Amino acid sequence: MKKISLALAFMAISYFGANAQAPDGFQAGGGIRLSLPVGDFSDISSFGIGGELQGELGFSEKFSGIFTTGYSSFLGKKVDILGQSVKLDATGYIPILAGVRVYPSANFFIGGQIGYGFLTGGGDSEGAFNYQPQVGYNASNFQIALNYNGLSKDGSTISHIALTGIFKFGGGGEKK
């Protein structure tokens, strides 16, 4: 619980600090996240859909900081357990991530984020180290990113690939 409180406090301080700086350097947005589980996660889940909120603070024309949170639900698969077909429950995913992006050109970015992610379902919630490298396109009113997302704990990792579409609703507009 201490880690969660610390992460939330860091995000709040960063958000308000970002808004205190030049308004054209900060962008906020929200959108849809479509995900495909990979590796062992694909054995129990088939598809994920969710929402994402993000804030991005431009430090220069080529470099920015990014903060992300949201919620995705991964549909459970039917599996065979002792000769019986059983439909598994949906798994929820909640990320709290912070990272950086580099813009090699005006609209194309490469980035990475780290933080803490939670998996929910079946009345339980469990957290793990969360990482997310990404590539994407940033236009004036929207953003599209392709992400690989991994949650690692005790030597095991579950992961998914996601496509995120973000509509920008605040800040300075297009990345220059």
N, C-alpha and C. Protein backbone atom coordinates (compact mmCIF):
# COMPACT_ATOMS: atom_id res chain seq x y z
N MET A 1 0.82 -1.18 0.00
CA MET A 1 0.00 0.00 0.00
C MET A 1 0.87 1.26 0.00
N LYS A 2 2.03 1.17 0.64
CA LYS A 2 2.95 2.30 0.67
C LYS A 2 3.39 2.68 -0.74
N LYS A 3 3.68 1.65 -1.56
CA LYS A 3 4.13 1.89 -2.93
C LYS A 3 3.04 2.58 -3.74
N ILE A 4 1.81 2.16 -3.54
CA ILE A 4 0.69 2.74 -4.27
C ILE A 4 0.54 4.22 -3.89
N SER A 5 0.56 4.50 -2.60
CA SER A 5 0.42 5.88 -2.14
C SER A 5 1.55 6.75 -2.66
N LEU A 6 2.77 6.22 -2.65
CA LEU A 6 3.93 6.95 -3.13
C LEU A 6 3.80 7.23 -4.63
N ALA A 7 3.37 6.23 -5.39
CA ALA A 7 3.21 6.41 -6.84
C ALA A 7 2.13 7.44 -7.15
N LEU A 8 1.01 7.39 -6.43
CA LEU A 8 -0.06 8.35 -6.65
C LEU A 8 0.37 9.77 -6.26
N ALA A 9 1.11 9.89 -5.18
CA ALA A 9 1.60 11.21 -4.76
C ALA A 9 2.57 11.76 -5.80
N PHE A 10 3.45 10.93 -6.32
CA PHE A 10 4.40 11.35 -7.35
C PHE A 10 3.66 11.84 -8.59
N MET A 11 2.63 11.09 -9.00
CA MET A 11 1.87 11.48 -10.18
C MET A 11 1.15 12.81 -9.96
N ALA A 12 0.56 13.00 -8.79
CA ALA A 12 -0.16 14.24 -8.50
C ALA A 12 0.79 15.43 -8.49
N ILE A 13 1.92 15.29 -7.84
CA ILE A 13 2.91 16.37 -7.79
C ILE A 13 3.41 16.69 -9.19
N SER A 14 3.68 15.65 -9.98
CA SER A 14 4.15 15.85 -11.34
C SER A 14 3.10 16.54 -12.19
N TYR A 15 1.84 16.15 -12.03
CA TYR A 15 0.75 16.75 -12.79
C TYR A 15 0.61 18.23 -12.48
N PHE A 16 0.54 18.57 -11.20
CA PHE A 16 0.38 19.97 -10.84
C PHE A 16 1.63 20.77 -11.16
N GLY A 17 2.79 20.16 -11.05
CA GLY A 17 4.03 20.84 -11.45
C GLY A 17 4.05 21.11 -12.94
N ALA A 18 3.54 20.16 -13.72
CA ALA A 18 3.50 20.33 -15.16
C ALA A 18 2.57 21.47 -15.54
N ASN A 19 1.44 21.57 -14.87
CA ASN A 19 0.49 22.64 -15.18
C ASN A 19 1.01 24.00 -14.75
N ALA A 20 1.95 24.04 -13.81
CA ALA A 20 2.49 25.32 -13.36
C ALA A 20 3.51 25.86 -14.37
N GLN A 21 3.99 25.02 -15.28
CA GLN A 21 4.95 25.45 -16.28
C GLN A 21 4.21 25.95 -17.52
N ALA A 22 4.95 26.21 -18.59
CA ALA A 22 4.36 26.74 -19.82
C ALA A 22 3.22 25.84 -20.29
N PRO A 23 1.99 26.40 -20.46
CA PRO A 23 0.84 25.59 -20.83
C PRO A 23 0.99 24.91 -22.18
N ASP A 24 1.76 25.49 -23.11
CA ASP A 24 1.92 24.83 -24.40
C ASP A 24 2.86 23.64 -24.33
N GLY A 25 3.50 23.41 -23.20
CA GLY A 25 4.37 22.26 -23.05
C GLY A 25 3.67 21.05 -22.46
N PHE A 26 2.41 21.20 -22.02
CA PHE A 26 1.69 20.08 -21.41
C PHE A 26 0.47 19.71 -22.23
N GLN A 27 0.29 18.40 -22.45
CA GLN A 27 -0.88 17.89 -23.16
C GLN A 27 -1.52 16.79 -22.32
N ALA A 28 -2.84 16.78 -22.27
CA ALA A 28 -3.58 15.71 -21.59
C ALA A 28 -4.50 15.07 -22.60
N GLY A 29 -4.83 13.81 -22.36
CA GLY A 29 -5.72 13.13 -23.28
C GLY A 29 -6.28 11.86 -22.69
N GLY A 30 -7.24 11.30 -23.39
CA GLY A 30 -7.85 10.04 -23.00
C GLY A 30 -8.30 9.30 -24.24
N GLY A 31 -8.39 7.98 -24.10
CA GLY A 31 -8.79 7.21 -25.27
C GLY A 31 -9.01 5.75 -24.99
N ILE A 32 -8.95 4.98 -26.06
CA ILE A 32 -9.24 3.55 -26.04
C ILE A 32 -7.96 2.74 -26.21
N ARG A 33 -7.92 1.62 -25.51
CA ARG A 33 -6.79 0.70 -25.57
C ARG A 33 -7.31 -0.68 -25.97
N LEU A 34 -6.81 -1.23 -27.07
CA LEU A 34 -7.14 -2.58 -27.53
C LEU A 34 -5.91 -3.45 -27.35
N SER A 35 -6.07 -4.61 -26.71
CA SER A 35 -4.91 -5.42 -26.32
C SER A 35 -5.06 -6.89 -26.72
N LEU A 36 -3.92 -7.50 -27.04
CA LEU A 36 -3.84 -8.94 -27.28
C LEU A 36 -2.84 -9.54 -26.31
N PRO A 37 -3.28 -10.47 -25.46
CA PRO A 37 -2.35 -11.14 -24.55
C PRO A 37 -1.34 -11.97 -25.34
N VAL A 38 -0.11 -12.03 -24.86
CA VAL A 38 0.93 -12.85 -25.48
C VAL A 38 1.56 -13.74 -24.41
N GLY A 39 2.26 -14.77 -24.83
CA GLY A 39 2.90 -15.70 -23.89
C GLY A 39 1.88 -16.45 -23.06
N ASP A 40 2.21 -16.69 -21.80
CA ASP A 40 1.33 -17.44 -20.90
C ASP A 40 -0.01 -16.75 -20.68
N PHE A 41 -0.05 -15.43 -20.76
CA PHE A 41 -1.30 -14.69 -20.56
C PHE A 41 -2.33 -15.06 -21.64
N SER A 42 -1.85 -15.39 -22.84
CA SER A 42 -2.78 -15.75 -23.93
C SER A 42 -3.44 -17.10 -23.68
N ASP A 43 -2.91 -17.91 -22.75
CA ASP A 43 -3.55 -19.18 -22.41
C ASP A 43 -4.84 -19.00 -21.62
N ILE A 44 -4.97 -17.86 -20.92
CA ILE A 44 -6.15 -17.66 -20.08
C ILE A 44 -7.02 -16.50 -20.52
N SER A 45 -6.50 -15.61 -21.39
CA SER A 45 -7.25 -14.44 -21.85
C SER A 45 -7.19 -14.35 -23.36
N SER A 46 -8.27 -13.82 -23.95
CA SER A 46 -8.31 -13.76 -25.40
C SER A 46 -8.13 -12.36 -25.97
N PHE A 47 -8.66 -11.35 -25.31
CA PHE A 47 -8.66 -10.01 -25.87
C PHE A 47 -8.89 -9.02 -24.74
N GLY A 48 -8.32 -7.83 -24.85
CA GLY A 48 -8.54 -6.81 -23.84
C GLY A 48 -9.00 -5.51 -24.45
N ILE A 49 -9.89 -4.82 -23.75
CA ILE A 49 -10.34 -3.51 -24.18
C ILE A 49 -10.46 -2.62 -22.95
N GLY A 50 -10.08 -1.35 -23.11
CA GLY A 50 -10.14 -0.47 -21.96
C GLY A 50 -9.97 0.98 -22.34
N GLY A 51 -9.82 1.80 -21.30
CA GLY A 51 -9.62 3.23 -21.46
C GLY A 51 -8.29 3.64 -20.86
N GLU A 52 -7.75 4.73 -21.35
CA GLU A 52 -6.46 5.21 -20.87
C GLU A 52 -6.48 6.73 -20.76
N LEU A 53 -5.85 7.24 -19.70
CA LEU A 53 -5.64 8.67 -19.51
C LEU A 53 -4.14 8.92 -19.48
N GLN A 54 -3.72 10.01 -20.10
CA GLN A 54 -2.29 10.31 -20.08
C GLN A 54 -2.05 11.81 -20.04
N GLY A 55 -0.91 12.15 -19.51
CA GLY A 55 -0.40 13.51 -19.54
C GLY A 55 1.00 13.48 -20.08
N GLU A 56 1.32 14.45 -20.92
CA GLU A 56 2.67 14.51 -21.51
C GLU A 56 3.20 15.92 -21.37
N LEU A 57 4.39 16.04 -20.84
CA LEU A 57 5.05 17.32 -20.65
C LEU A 57 6.27 17.40 -21.54
N GLY A 58 6.25 18.35 -22.49
CA GLY A 58 7.38 18.53 -23.39
C GLY A 58 8.50 19.30 -22.70
N PHE A 59 9.67 18.67 -22.62
CA PHE A 59 10.85 19.33 -22.04
C PHE A 59 11.61 20.10 -23.11
N SER A 60 11.56 19.59 -24.34
CA SER A 60 12.18 20.24 -25.48
C SER A 60 11.46 19.75 -26.73
N GLU A 61 11.94 20.16 -27.90
CA GLU A 61 11.31 19.70 -29.15
C GLU A 61 11.47 18.21 -29.36
N LYS A 62 12.47 17.60 -28.76
CA LYS A 62 12.79 16.19 -29.00
C LYS A 62 12.56 15.27 -27.81
N PHE A 63 12.14 15.79 -26.66
CA PHE A 63 12.12 15.00 -25.44
C PHE A 63 10.93 15.39 -24.56
N SER A 64 10.22 14.40 -24.04
CA SER A 64 9.09 14.69 -23.15
C SER A 64 8.96 13.63 -22.06
N GLY A 65 8.22 13.97 -21.02
CA GLY A 65 7.87 13.04 -19.96
C GLY A 65 6.42 12.63 -20.14
N ILE A 66 6.09 11.40 -19.78
CA ILE A 66 4.73 10.88 -19.98
C ILE A 66 4.25 10.17 -18.72
N PHE A 67 2.97 10.37 -18.38
CA PHE A 67 2.33 9.73 -17.23
C PHE A 67 1.05 9.08 -17.72
N THR A 68 0.83 7.82 -17.35
CA THR A 68 -0.31 7.07 -17.87
C THR A 68 -0.99 6.27 -16.78
N THR A 69 -2.32 6.20 -16.86
CA THR A 69 -3.11 5.29 -16.04
C THR A 69 -4.35 4.91 -16.83
N GLY A 70 -5.11 3.97 -16.34
CA GLY A 70 -6.32 3.56 -17.04
C GLY A 70 -6.85 2.25 -16.50
N TYR A 71 -7.69 1.61 -17.29
CA TYR A 71 -8.24 0.31 -16.92
C TYR A 71 -8.54 -0.46 -18.20
N SER A 72 -8.15 -1.74 -18.22
CA SER A 72 -8.49 -2.65 -19.32
C SER A 72 -9.06 -3.92 -18.74
N SER A 73 -10.00 -4.52 -19.46
CA SER A 73 -10.57 -5.79 -19.07
C SER A 73 -10.22 -6.83 -20.13
N PHE A 74 -9.60 -7.92 -19.69
CA PHE A 74 -9.23 -9.01 -20.58
C PHE A 74 -10.25 -10.13 -20.44
N LEU A 75 -10.86 -10.51 -21.55
CA LEU A 75 -11.88 -11.55 -21.53
C LEU A 75 -11.24 -12.91 -21.22
N GLY A 76 -11.88 -13.68 -20.35
CA GLY A 76 -11.39 -15.01 -20.01
C GLY A 76 -11.69 -16.01 -21.11
N LYS A 77 -10.81 -16.99 -21.27
CA LYS A 77 -10.98 -18.04 -22.27
C LYS A 77 -11.66 -19.25 -21.66
N LYS A 78 -12.17 -20.12 -22.53
CA LYS A 78 -12.63 -21.43 -22.09
C LYS A 78 -11.42 -22.35 -22.09
N VAL A 79 -11.20 -23.04 -20.98
CA VAL A 79 -10.08 -23.96 -20.86
C VAL A 79 -10.59 -25.32 -20.41
N ASP A 80 -9.81 -26.34 -20.70
CA ASP A 80 -10.15 -27.70 -20.29
C ASP A 80 -9.44 -28.02 -18.98
N ILE A 81 -10.23 -28.25 -17.92
CA ILE A 81 -9.67 -28.61 -16.62
C ILE A 81 -10.25 -29.95 -16.21
N LEU A 82 -9.39 -30.97 -16.15
CA LEU A 82 -9.79 -32.32 -15.78
C LEU A 82 -10.97 -32.82 -16.62
N GLY A 83 -10.90 -32.57 -17.93
CA GLY A 83 -11.94 -33.04 -18.83
C GLY A 83 -13.19 -32.18 -18.88
N GLN A 84 -13.22 -31.09 -18.13
CA GLN A 84 -14.38 -30.19 -18.11
C GLN A 84 -14.00 -28.86 -18.76
N SER A 85 -14.89 -28.34 -19.60
CA SER A 85 -14.68 -27.03 -20.20
C SER A 85 -15.15 -25.96 -19.21
N VAL A 86 -14.23 -25.08 -18.83
CA VAL A 86 -14.51 -24.05 -17.84
C VAL A 86 -14.21 -22.68 -18.45
N LYS A 87 -15.14 -21.74 -18.31
CA LYS A 87 -14.94 -20.35 -18.77
C LYS A 87 -14.29 -19.56 -17.65
N LEU A 88 -13.09 -19.05 -17.89
CA LEU A 88 -12.38 -18.28 -16.88
C LEU A 88 -12.94 -16.86 -16.78
N ASP A 89 -12.83 -16.28 -15.59
CA ASP A 89 -13.30 -14.92 -15.35
C ASP A 89 -12.43 -13.91 -16.10
N ALA A 90 -12.99 -12.74 -16.33
CA ALA A 90 -12.23 -11.64 -16.93
C ALA A 90 -11.16 -11.17 -15.93
N THR A 91 -10.08 -10.66 -16.46
CA THR A 91 -8.99 -10.11 -15.65
C THR A 91 -8.90 -8.61 -15.92
N GLY A 92 -8.89 -7.82 -14.87
CA GLY A 92 -8.73 -6.38 -15.03
C GLY A 92 -7.27 -5.98 -14.89
N TYR A 93 -6.89 -4.91 -15.56
CA TYR A 93 -5.52 -4.41 -15.52
C TYR A 93 -5.55 -2.90 -15.31
N ILE A 94 -4.83 -2.43 -14.27
CA ILE A 94 -4.74 -1.00 -13.95
C ILE A 94 -3.26 -0.61 -13.88
N PRO A 95 -2.77 0.20 -14.83
CA PRO A 95 -1.37 0.64 -14.79
C PRO A 95 -1.22 2.01 -14.14
N ILE A 96 -0.10 2.23 -13.50
CA ILE A 96 0.34 3.55 -13.05
C ILE A 96 1.78 3.68 -13.54
N LEU A 97 1.97 4.40 -14.64
CA LEU A 97 3.26 4.42 -15.34
C LEU A 97 3.77 5.85 -15.54
N ALA A 98 5.08 5.99 -15.54
CA ALA A 98 5.75 7.25 -15.86
C ALA A 98 6.98 6.93 -16.69
N GLY A 99 7.30 7.81 -17.63
CA GLY A 99 8.46 7.54 -18.47
C GLY A 99 8.81 8.72 -19.35
N VAL A 100 9.53 8.41 -20.43
CA VAL A 100 10.01 9.43 -21.36
C VAL A 100 9.71 9.03 -22.79
N ARG A 101 9.67 10.05 -23.64
CA ARG A 101 9.54 9.85 -25.08
C ARG A 101 10.59 10.69 -25.78
N VAL A 102 11.13 10.14 -26.86
CA VAL A 102 12.06 10.85 -27.73
C VAL A 102 11.38 10.99 -29.09
N TYR A 103 11.45 12.18 -29.66
CA TYR A 103 10.84 12.48 -30.96
C TYR A 103 11.95 12.63 -32.00
N PRO A 104 12.26 11.55 -32.77
CA PRO A 104 13.28 11.69 -33.82
C PRO A 104 12.80 12.60 -34.96
N SER A 105 11.48 12.70 -35.15
CA SER A 105 10.91 13.66 -36.10
C SER A 105 9.74 14.36 -35.41
N ALA A 106 9.11 15.30 -36.07
CA ALA A 106 8.09 16.14 -35.44
C ALA A 106 6.93 15.33 -34.85
N ASN A 107 6.49 14.25 -35.50
CA ASN A 107 5.31 13.53 -35.04
C ASN A 107 5.56 12.10 -34.59
N PHE A 108 6.69 11.53 -34.89
CA PHE A 108 6.98 10.14 -34.55
C PHE A 108 7.73 10.08 -33.22
N PHE A 109 7.31 9.17 -32.32
CA PHE A 109 8.00 9.04 -31.03
C PHE A 109 8.36 7.59 -30.72
N ILE A 110 9.40 7.46 -29.89
CA ILE A 110 9.83 6.19 -29.30
C ILE A 110 9.94 6.46 -27.81
N GLY A 111 9.36 5.59 -27.01
CA GLY A 111 9.38 5.85 -25.57
C GLY A 111 9.35 4.61 -24.72
N GLY A 112 9.41 4.84 -23.44
CA GLY A 112 9.33 3.76 -22.47
C GLY A 112 8.82 4.29 -21.15
N GLN A 113 8.05 3.44 -20.46
CA GLN A 113 7.50 3.81 -19.16
C GLN A 113 7.70 2.65 -18.19
N ILE A 114 7.83 2.99 -16.92
CA ILE A 114 7.87 1.98 -15.87
C ILE A 114 6.95 2.42 -14.75
N GLY A 115 6.59 1.49 -13.91
CA GLY A 115 5.72 1.81 -12.79
C GLY A 115 5.20 0.56 -12.13
N TYR A 116 3.95 0.63 -11.73
CA TYR A 116 3.30 -0.46 -11.01
C TYR A 116 1.99 -0.76 -11.70
N GLY A 117 1.69 -2.04 -11.88
CA GLY A 117 0.44 -2.45 -12.50
C GLY A 117 -0.30 -3.42 -11.60
N PHE A 118 -1.61 -3.36 -11.64
CA PHE A 118 -2.46 -4.22 -10.83
C PHE A 118 -3.29 -5.12 -11.73
N LEU A 119 -3.41 -6.38 -11.36
CA LEU A 119 -4.34 -7.29 -12.00
C LEU A 119 -5.46 -7.54 -11.02
N THR A 120 -6.70 -7.47 -11.50
CA THR A 120 -7.85 -7.68 -10.65
C THR A 120 -8.71 -8.80 -11.24
N GLY A 121 -9.53 -9.38 -10.41
CA GLY A 121 -10.45 -10.43 -10.87
C GLY A 121 -10.61 -11.49 -9.81
N GLY A 122 -11.78 -12.08 -9.78
CA GLY A 122 -12.05 -13.14 -8.81
C GLY A 122 -11.99 -12.65 -7.37
N GLY A 123 -12.22 -11.36 -7.14
CA GLY A 123 -12.19 -10.83 -5.78
C GLY A 123 -10.80 -10.48 -5.28
N ASP A 124 -9.77 -10.76 -6.09
CA ASP A 124 -8.39 -10.48 -5.68
C ASP A 124 -7.80 -9.35 -6.52
N SER A 125 -6.78 -8.72 -5.98
CA SER A 125 -6.02 -7.71 -6.69
C SER A 125 -4.55 -7.94 -6.34
N GLU A 126 -3.72 -8.03 -7.38
CA GLU A 126 -2.30 -8.25 -7.13
C GLU A 126 -1.49 -7.30 -8.00
N GLY A 127 -0.43 -6.74 -7.43
CA GLY A 127 0.39 -5.79 -8.15
C GLY A 127 1.75 -6.34 -8.51
N ALA A 128 2.38 -5.69 -9.50
CA ALA A 128 3.70 -6.12 -9.96
C ALA A 128 4.40 -4.96 -10.64
N PHE A 129 5.71 -5.09 -10.81
CA PHE A 129 6.50 -4.14 -11.58
C PHE A 129 5.96 -4.13 -13.01
N ASN A 130 5.75 -2.96 -13.56
CA ASN A 130 5.13 -2.81 -14.88
C ASN A 130 6.07 -2.01 -15.78
N TYR A 131 6.28 -2.47 -17.01
CA TYR A 131 7.09 -1.74 -17.97
C TYR A 131 6.40 -1.74 -19.32
N GLN A 132 6.66 -0.66 -20.11
CA GLN A 132 5.96 -0.52 -21.38
C GLN A 132 6.79 0.27 -22.39
N PRO A 133 7.54 -0.39 -23.27
CA PRO A 133 8.15 0.33 -24.39
C PRO A 133 7.07 0.60 -25.44
N GLN A 134 7.25 1.68 -26.23
CA GLN A 134 6.23 2.03 -27.21
C GLN A 134 6.81 2.83 -28.36
N VAL A 135 6.10 2.80 -29.49
CA VAL A 135 6.36 3.65 -30.65
C VAL A 135 5.02 4.24 -31.05
N GLY A 136 5.04 5.42 -31.65
CA GLY A 136 3.75 5.99 -32.03
C GLY A 136 3.84 7.21 -32.89
N TYR A 137 2.65 7.70 -33.21
CA TYR A 137 2.47 8.89 -34.03
C TYR A 137 1.66 9.90 -33.23
N ASN A 138 2.14 11.15 -33.18
CA ASN A 138 1.52 12.21 -32.41
C ASN A 138 1.09 13.32 -33.36
N ALA A 139 -0.23 13.51 -33.53
CA ALA A 139 -0.77 14.58 -34.35
C ALA A 139 -1.32 15.69 -33.45
N SER A 140 -1.92 16.72 -34.03
CA SER A 140 -2.37 17.85 -33.21
C SER A 140 -3.52 17.50 -32.27
N ASN A 141 -4.46 16.66 -32.68
CA ASN A 141 -5.62 16.35 -31.84
C ASN A 141 -5.70 14.91 -31.37
N PHE A 142 -4.84 14.05 -31.88
CA PHE A 142 -4.88 12.64 -31.49
C PHE A 142 -3.48 12.04 -31.50
N GLN A 143 -3.41 10.83 -30.95
CA GLN A 143 -2.15 10.11 -30.87
C GLN A 143 -2.44 8.62 -30.99
N ILE A 144 -1.59 7.90 -31.70
CA ILE A 144 -1.71 6.45 -31.82
C ILE A 144 -0.38 5.85 -31.37
N ALA A 145 -0.45 4.84 -30.49
CA ALA A 145 0.78 4.21 -29.99
C ALA A 145 0.62 2.69 -30.01
N LEU A 146 1.70 2.01 -30.35
CA LEU A 146 1.78 0.57 -30.26
C LEU A 146 2.70 0.26 -29.08
N ASN A 147 2.20 -0.53 -28.12
CA ASN A 147 2.91 -0.79 -26.87
C ASN A 147 3.12 -2.28 -26.65
N TYR A 148 4.22 -2.62 -26.02
CA TYR A 148 4.39 -3.94 -25.43
C TYR A 148 4.34 -3.70 -23.93
N ASN A 149 3.51 -4.44 -23.21
CA ASN A 149 3.35 -4.21 -21.78
C ASN A 149 3.63 -5.48 -21.00
N GLY A 150 4.53 -5.40 -20.03
CA GLY A 150 4.87 -6.55 -19.20
C GLY A 150 4.70 -6.26 -17.73
N LEU A 151 4.17 -7.23 -17.01
CA LEU A 151 4.07 -7.18 -15.55
C LEU A 151 4.93 -8.31 -15.02
N SER A 152 5.94 -7.97 -14.21
CA SER A 152 6.89 -8.96 -13.71
C SER A 152 6.88 -9.03 -12.19
N LYS A 153 6.80 -10.27 -11.69
CA LYS A 153 6.84 -10.50 -10.25
C LYS A 153 7.39 -11.89 -9.98
N ASP A 154 8.33 -11.98 -9.06
CA ASP A 154 8.89 -13.26 -8.64
C ASP A 154 9.39 -14.11 -9.81
N GLY A 155 10.02 -13.47 -10.78
CA GLY A 155 10.62 -14.19 -11.89
C GLY A 155 9.68 -14.58 -13.01
N SER A 156 8.40 -14.28 -12.90
CA SER A 156 7.48 -14.58 -14.00
C SER A 156 6.90 -13.28 -14.55
N THR A 157 6.56 -13.30 -15.83
CA THR A 157 6.03 -12.12 -16.51
C THR A 157 4.79 -12.50 -17.29
N ILE A 158 3.76 -11.66 -17.20
CA ILE A 158 2.64 -11.77 -18.11
C ILE A 158 2.63 -10.50 -18.94
N SER A 159 2.23 -10.65 -20.21
CA SER A 159 2.37 -9.50 -21.09
C SER A 159 1.27 -9.45 -22.14
N HIS A 160 1.16 -8.26 -22.75
CA HIS A 160 0.24 -8.07 -23.85
C HIS A 160 0.77 -6.98 -24.77
N ILE A 161 0.28 -7.01 -26.00
CA ILE A 161 0.59 -5.98 -26.98
C ILE A 161 -0.68 -5.14 -27.12
N ALA A 162 -0.52 -3.82 -27.13
CA ALA A 162 -1.70 -2.95 -27.17
C ALA A 162 -1.55 -1.86 -28.22
N LEU A 163 -2.69 -1.49 -28.77
CA LEU A 163 -2.80 -0.34 -29.66
C LEU A 163 -3.68 0.67 -28.94
N THR A 164 -3.14 1.87 -28.75
CA THR A 164 -3.86 2.90 -28.00
C THR A 164 -4.12 4.10 -28.90
N GLY A 165 -5.36 4.56 -28.89
CA GLY A 165 -5.73 5.78 -29.59
C GLY A 165 -6.16 6.82 -28.57
N ILE A 166 -5.47 7.94 -28.53
CA ILE A 166 -5.71 8.99 -27.54
C ILE A 166 -6.24 10.25 -28.23
N PHE A 167 -7.34 10.79 -27.73
CA PHE A 167 -7.85 12.08 -28.15
C PHE A 167 -7.34 13.11 -27.14
N LYS A 168 -6.70 14.15 -27.62
CA LYS A 168 -6.15 15.18 -26.74
C LYS A 168 -7.22 16.19 -26.37
N PHE A 169 -7.41 16.41 -25.08
CA PHE A 169 -8.42 17.38 -24.65
C PHE A 169 -7.86 18.52 -23.83
N GLY A 170 -6.56 18.63 -23.76
CA GLY A 170 -6.00 19.76 -23.03
C GLY A 170 -4.54 19.95 -23.34
N GLY A 171 -4.09 21.16 -23.26
CA GLY A 171 -2.68 21.44 -23.43
C GLY A 171 -2.38 22.22 -24.69
N GLY A 172 -1.14 22.11 -25.09
CA GLY A 172 -0.63 22.99 -26.12
C GLY A 172 -0.73 22.51 -27.55
N GLY A 173 -1.41 21.41 -27.84
CA GLY A 173 -1.56 20.99 -29.22
C GLY A 173 -0.41 20.15 -29.72
N GLU A 174 -0.10 20.27 -30.99
CA GLU A 174 0.83 19.39 -31.67
C GLU A 174 2.26 19.55 -31.15
N LYS A 175 2.95 18.42 -31.03
CA LYS A 175 4.36 18.40 -30.65
C LYS A 175 5.18 19.00 -31.78
N LYS A 176 6.04 19.94 -31.49
CA LYS A 176 6.82 20.59 -32.54
C LYS A 176 8.19 20.00 -32.65
